[in-house]
Amino acid sequence: MPKEYRTIQEVAGPLMLVRGVEGVTYDELGEIELANGETRRCKVLEVNGSDVLVQLFE
């Protein structure tokens, strides 16, 4: 079941730090909906407790 998070803490180029995340694992794929409604794929690069670093693909 898809989960939605609105807790993006920081953006640096194609990397995003998301806080307050549960049930996410390393190397998992996901989707990010941008402010303009466009959807992009992403990949989990690091999990540290409830903080997750993801790489956004174009």
Protein backbone atom coordinates (compact mmCIF):
# COMPACT_ATOMS: atom_id res chain seq x y z
CA MET A 1 0.00 0.00 0.00
CA PRO A 2 1.45 3.42 -0.95
CA LYS A 3 2.40 5.81 1.84
CA GLU A 4 2.51 9.58 1.57
CA TYR A 5 5.02 11.77 3.38
CA ARG A 6 5.11 15.55 3.45
CA THR A 7 8.21 15.82 5.59
CA ILE A 8 10.99 16.74 3.16
CA GLN A 9 13.66 18.36 5.28
CA GLU A 10 16.32 19.26 2.74
CA VAL A 11 16.98 19.14 -1.03
CA ALA A 12 20.47 19.17 -2.56
CA GLY A 13 20.53 18.56 -6.31
CA PRO A 14 18.94 15.14 -6.93
CA LEU A 15 19.06 14.18 -3.22
CA MET A 16 16.25 14.65 -0.72
CA LEU A 17 16.22 14.09 3.03
CA VAL A 18 12.82 12.94 4.28
CA ARG A 19 12.06 12.73 8.03
CA GLY A 20 9.48 10.75 9.95
CA VAL A 21 9.50 7.78 7.58
CA GLU A 22 8.46 4.26 8.64
CA GLY A 23 8.72 0.89 6.91
CA VAL A 24 11.16 1.98 4.20
CA THR A 25 14.25 -0.07 3.32
CA TYR A 26 17.55 0.52 1.54
CA ASP A 27 17.42 0.31 -2.28
CA GLU A 28 13.60 0.58 -2.32
CA LEU A 29 12.01 2.44 -5.24
CA GLY A 30 9.32 5.07 -4.81
CA GLU A 31 7.61 8.02 -6.43
CA ILE A 32 7.78 11.71 -5.65
CA GLU A 33 5.03 14.10 -6.70
CA LEU A 34 6.43 17.54 -7.46
CA ALA A 35 4.63 20.80 -6.71
CA ASN A 36 3.57 21.07 -10.38
CA GLY A 37 1.88 17.64 -10.22
CA GLU A 38 4.61 15.83 -12.15
CA THR A 39 5.64 12.41 -10.78
CA ARG A 40 9.28 11.27 -10.61
CA ARG A 41 10.82 7.99 -9.50
CA CYS A 42 13.27 7.82 -6.62
CA LYS A 43 15.52 5.31 -4.89
CA VAL A 44 16.35 5.00 -1.18
CA LEU A 45 20.10 5.47 -0.68
CA GLU A 46 20.26 5.50 3.12
CA VAL A 47 18.01 4.82 6.10
CA ASN A 48 18.90 6.23 9.53
CA GLY A 49 16.09 5.59 12.00
CA SER A 50 13.13 7.58 10.68
CA ASP A 51 15.29 9.69 8.33
CA VAL A 52 15.68 8.58 4.71
CA LEU A 53 17.95 9.90 1.96
CA VAL A 54 16.53 9.37 -1.53
CA GLN A 55 17.89 10.04 -5.00
CA LEU A 56 15.41 11.58 -7.41
CA PHE A 57 15.55 10.41 -11.04
CA GLU A 58 14.67 12.64 -14.00
